[in-house]
Amino acid sequence: MAVILRPTSRHAALGAAAAAGLLAVTLSACSSGGSTGNAMASPAAAGSASAAASDPGMAASTVPFGSACAAVPTSGAGSFSGMAQDPVATAASHNPALSTLVTAVEKAGLTDTLNSAKDITVFAPTNDAFAKIPKATLDSVLNDKAELTKILTYHVAPGRLSPSALAGTHRTLEGSDLTVTGFGEKFTVNGTSTVVCGDVRTANATVYIVDTVLMPKS
């Protein structure tokens, strides 16, 4: 993992404020056209009018896939049906496996911004994914708001990406691209991060839980 150079506190504060402001503007304007996935859309399926309008390729009734899905509660706010009722940051807070991500989002001041976004795709690293980062480096990032915002927004893409549209290159809200390879229920992001529970729905996002933190190019 590349060494992170920390800016001065004054520059970090200015950078974080600018990044958060840019994110808010980008999120408010994002649409499914903001990604450049190269997979063919799935056949249309019957479903709710609102879901079909925001994501024509999205099946009405979907079942999340992946080995880590088995750990999700079968009932309550942390279940798949419960998460579907809440916006993405709130939904993630109900999943114990995403507690480090939730802490990072709170430290970056992005909770309200993500919750108010419309139709986004989030690649959500598990606690184990964050644990792969050396503790000293992780602590440094968590206390550097500008760098943390850069990393977290690299995990968000405009539009709800269904599995059939996931493979391809997508422009993230951080501003650079990430690439997803695979098909069916097997996907890898940037060649290193595996989707361990995919196609999880929240009120405003489609979530793909991954086993490695994605790092934007410096």
Protein backbone atom coordinates (compact mmCIF):
# COMPACT_ATOMS: atom_id res chain seq x y z
CA MET A 1 0.00 0.00 0.00
CA ALA A 2 1.39 3.42 -0.92
CA VAL A 3 2.59 5.68 1.92
CA ILE A 4 0.11 8.47 2.56
CA LEU A 5 1.57 11.95 2.91
CA ARG A 6 -0.50 13.95 5.37
CA PRO A 7 -1.15 17.62 4.64
CA THR A 8 -0.97 20.31 7.28
CA SER A 9 -4.06 20.58 9.47
CA ARG A 10 -5.06 23.85 7.76
CA HIS A 11 -4.72 22.36 4.28
CA ALA A 12 -6.49 19.15 5.37
CA ALA A 13 -9.46 21.13 6.65
CA LEU A 14 -9.67 23.15 3.44
CA GLY A 15 -9.28 20.03 1.31
CA ALA A 16 -11.92 18.13 3.24
CA ALA A 17 -14.41 20.97 3.01
CA ALA A 18 -13.84 21.28 -0.74
CA ALA A 19 -14.13 17.52 -1.24
CA ALA A 20 -17.33 17.27 0.76
CA GLY A 21 -18.84 20.20 -1.14
CA LEU A 22 -17.90 18.66 -4.48
CA LEU A 23 -19.36 15.34 -3.39
CA ALA A 24 -22.67 16.93 -2.46
CA VAL A 25 -22.91 18.62 -5.87
CA THR A 26 -21.92 15.43 -7.70
CA LEU A 27 -24.36 13.26 -5.79
CA SER A 28 -27.24 15.59 -6.47
CA ALA A 29 -26.56 15.39 -10.19
CA CYS A 30 -25.64 11.72 -10.47
CA SER A 31 -27.59 9.35 -12.66
CA SER A 32 -27.19 5.92 -14.13
CA GLY A 33 -25.52 7.52 -17.15
CA GLY A 34 -22.50 8.38 -15.03
CA SER A 35 -21.05 4.85 -15.27
CA THR A 36 -19.60 3.16 -18.29
CA GLY A 37 -20.22 -0.53 -17.59
CA ASN A 38 -19.90 -2.68 -20.70
CA ALA A 39 -22.18 -5.59 -19.76
CA MET A 40 -25.48 -6.16 -21.52
CA ALA A 41 -28.61 -5.21 -19.62
CA SER A 42 -30.74 -8.04 -18.27
CA PRO A 43 -34.22 -8.69 -19.69
CA ALA A 44 -36.94 -6.54 -18.22
CA ALA A 45 -38.71 -8.04 -15.23
CA ALA A 46 -41.90 -7.10 -13.50
CA GLY A 47 -41.38 -4.79 -10.54
CA SER A 48 -42.21 -1.55 -8.82
CA ALA A 49 -42.62 1.48 -11.03
CA SER A 50 -40.16 3.54 -9.03
CA ALA A 51 -37.43 0.89 -9.14
CA ALA A 52 -37.88 0.38 -12.86
CA ALA A 53 -37.71 4.11 -13.48
CA SER A 54 -34.39 4.54 -11.65
CA ASP A 55 -32.83 1.34 -12.98
CA PRO A 56 -34.50 -0.22 -16.03
CA GLY A 57 -32.16 -3.23 -15.90
CA MET A 58 -32.98 -4.02 -12.28
CA ALA A 59 -35.09 -7.06 -11.54
CA ALA A 60 -38.08 -6.45 -9.32
CA SER A 61 -37.28 -9.20 -6.85
CA THR A 62 -33.58 -9.77 -6.27
CA VAL A 63 -31.71 -12.05 -3.93
CA PRO A 64 -28.29 -10.89 -2.71
CA PHE A 65 -25.50 -13.32 -3.59
CA GLY A 66 -22.11 -14.24 -2.12
CA SER A 67 -20.59 -16.19 0.77
CA ALA A 68 -20.77 -13.30 3.25
CA CYS A 69 -24.54 -12.91 2.77
CA ALA A 70 -25.10 -15.86 5.11
CA ALA A 71 -23.95 -13.72 8.06
CA VAL A 72 -26.67 -11.12 7.51
CA PRO A 73 -29.54 -11.33 10.05
CA THR A 74 -32.76 -12.85 8.74
CA SER A 75 -34.96 -10.25 10.42
CA GLY A 76 -34.82 -6.76 11.87
CA ALA A 77 -33.15 -3.56 10.67
CA GLY A 78 -29.94 -5.41 9.75
CA SER A 79 -31.69 -7.93 7.50
CA PHE A 80 -31.87 -7.48 3.75
CA SER A 81 -35.52 -6.45 3.96
CA GLY A 82 -34.72 -4.08 6.81
CA MET A 83 -31.78 -2.48 5.00
CA ALA A 84 -33.99 -1.88 1.98
CA GLN A 85 -36.09 0.53 4.06
CA ASP A 86 -33.19 2.81 5.08
CA PRO A 87 -30.79 5.06 3.14
CA VAL A 88 -27.36 3.56 2.62
CA ALA A 89 -25.34 5.00 5.53
CA THR A 90 -28.10 4.18 8.00
CA ALA A 91 -28.55 0.71 6.53
CA ALA A 92 -24.81 0.03 6.84
CA SER A 93 -24.90 1.03 10.50
CA HIS A 94 -27.20 -1.94 11.17
CA ASN A 95 -24.64 -4.40 9.80
CA PRO A 96 -21.93 -5.28 12.39
CA ALA A 97 -19.56 -6.39 9.62
CA LEU A 98 -19.49 -2.81 8.29
CA SER A 99 -18.84 -0.97 11.58
CA THR A 100 -15.38 0.28 10.56
CA LEU A 101 -16.80 1.67 7.32
CA VAL A 102 -19.58 3.40 9.25
CA THR A 103 -16.99 4.96 11.58
CA ALA A 104 -14.98 6.17 8.59
CA VAL A 105 -18.05 7.70 6.95
CA GLU A 106 -18.90 9.51 10.20
CA LYS A 107 -15.35 10.83 10.60
CA ALA A 108 -15.41 12.15 7.04
CA GLY A 109 -18.74 13.86 7.67
CA LEU A 110 -20.39 12.01 4.78
CA THR A 111 -23.32 10.33 6.56
CA ASP A 112 -25.98 12.88 5.61
CA THR A 113 -24.54 13.32 2.11
CA LEU A 114 -24.71 9.60 1.35
CA ASN A 115 -28.13 9.21 2.95
CA SER A 116 -29.57 12.03 0.84
CA ALA A 117 -28.02 10.85 -2.43
CA LYS A 118 -30.29 9.41 -5.10
CA ASP A 119 -29.52 6.19 -6.97
CA ILE A 120 -25.89 5.33 -6.26
CA THR A 121 -23.78 2.17 -6.12
CA VAL A 122 -21.58 1.64 -3.06
CA PHE A 123 -18.68 -0.79 -2.78
CA ALA A 124 -18.64 -1.39 0.98
CA PRO A 125 -15.47 -2.84 2.55
CA THR A 126 -15.97 -5.19 5.50
CA ASN A 127 -14.22 -4.81 8.85
CA ASP A 128 -11.84 -7.55 7.72
CA ALA A 129 -11.01 -5.49 4.63
CA PHE A 130 -9.96 -2.54 6.80
CA ALA A 131 -8.02 -4.93 9.05
CA LYS A 132 -5.74 -5.74 6.11
CA ILE A 133 -4.38 -2.18 6.33
CA PRO A 134 -1.54 -1.76 8.85
CA LYS A 135 -2.99 -0.24 12.03
CA ALA A 136 -0.71 2.80 12.00
CA THR A 137 -1.67 3.58 8.41
CA LEU A 138 -5.38 3.06 9.07
CA ASP A 139 -5.28 5.29 12.15
CA SER A 140 -3.51 7.96 10.11
CA VAL A 141 -6.14 7.83 7.36
CA LEU A 142 -9.04 7.90 9.81
CA ASN A 143 -7.64 11.10 11.26
CA ASP A 144 -6.98 12.77 7.91
CA LYS A 145 -10.39 13.99 6.77
CA ALA A 146 -9.29 15.02 3.27
CA GLU A 147 -7.59 11.70 2.52
CA LEU A 148 -10.44 9.75 4.09
CA THR A 149 -13.00 11.58 1.94
CA LYS A 150 -10.93 10.82 -1.16
CA ILE A 151 -10.83 7.10 -0.35
CA LEU A 152 -14.50 6.79 0.61
CA THR A 153 -15.81 8.62 -2.45
CA TYR A 154 -13.72 6.25 -4.58
CA HIS A 155 -16.09 3.52 -3.33
CA VAL A 156 -19.20 5.26 -4.74
CA ALA A 157 -20.42 5.37 -8.33
CA PRO A 158 -23.47 7.16 -9.76
CA GLY A 159 -26.48 5.04 -10.67
CA ARG A 160 -27.75 1.74 -9.28
CA LEU A 161 -25.64 -0.93 -10.98
CA SER A 162 -27.41 -4.27 -11.28
CA PRO A 163 -25.21 -7.39 -11.49
CA SER A 164 -25.79 -7.52 -15.26
CA ALA A 165 -24.32 -4.01 -15.59
CA LEU A 166 -21.58 -4.33 -12.97
CA ALA A 167 -18.70 -5.57 -15.14
CA GLY A 168 -16.91 -2.69 -16.80
CA THR A 169 -15.21 0.59 -15.98
CA HIS A 170 -17.05 3.08 -13.80
CA ARG A 171 -16.22 6.68 -12.95
CA THR A 172 -16.38 7.12 -9.18
CA LEU A 173 -17.44 10.20 -7.25
CA GLU A 174 -13.79 10.66 -6.28
CA GLY A 175 -13.17 11.41 -9.95
CA SER A 176 -11.14 8.42 -11.12
CA ASP A 177 -12.19 5.06 -12.50
CA LEU A 178 -12.51 1.60 -11.01
CA THR A 179 -12.86 -1.58 -13.02
CA VAL A 180 -15.05 -4.57 -12.27
CA THR A 181 -14.47 -7.94 -13.91
CA GLY A 182 -16.56 -11.11 -13.75
CA PHE A 183 -20.13 -12.21 -14.37
CA GLY A 184 -23.01 -13.99 -12.71
CA GLU A 185 -22.20 -14.01 -9.00
CA LYS A 186 -18.40 -13.75 -9.24
CA PHE A 187 -16.95 -10.24 -9.42
CA THR A 188 -13.57 -8.67 -8.68
CA VAL A 189 -12.92 -4.94 -8.35
CA ASN A 190 -9.60 -3.54 -9.58
CA GLY A 191 -8.20 -7.06 -9.73
CA THR A 192 -7.77 -7.31 -5.95
CA SER A 193 -11.09 -6.87 -4.15
CA THR A 194 -13.73 -9.60 -4.31
CA VAL A 195 -17.46 -9.01 -3.99
CA VAL A 196 -18.46 -11.22 -1.04
CA CYS A 197 -22.11 -10.17 -0.83
CA GLY A 198 -23.60 -8.44 -3.83
CA ASP A 199 -26.77 -6.75 -5.00
CA VAL A 200 -27.82 -5.61 -1.52
CA ARG A 201 -30.56 -2.99 -1.77
CA THR A 202 -31.04 0.05 0.42
CA ALA A 203 -33.58 2.83 -0.02
CA ASN A 204 -31.23 4.86 -2.22
CA ALA A 205 -28.37 2.58 -3.22
CA THR A 206 -27.27 -0.80 -4.48
CA VAL A 207 -24.44 -2.16 -2.33
CA TYR A 208 -21.67 -4.62 -3.16
CA ILE A 209 -19.79 -5.69 -0.03
CA VAL A 210 -16.09 -6.25 -0.80
CA ASP A 211 -13.19 -7.90 1.04
CA THR A 212 -10.47 -5.31 0.31
CA VAL A 213 -10.44 -1.51 0.62
CA LEU A 214 -10.19 0.16 -2.79
CA MET A 215 -7.43 2.75 -3.07
CA PRO A 216 -7.56 5.52 -5.70
CA LYS A 217 -4.39 6.25 -7.58
CA SER A 218 -2.30 8.98 -5.96
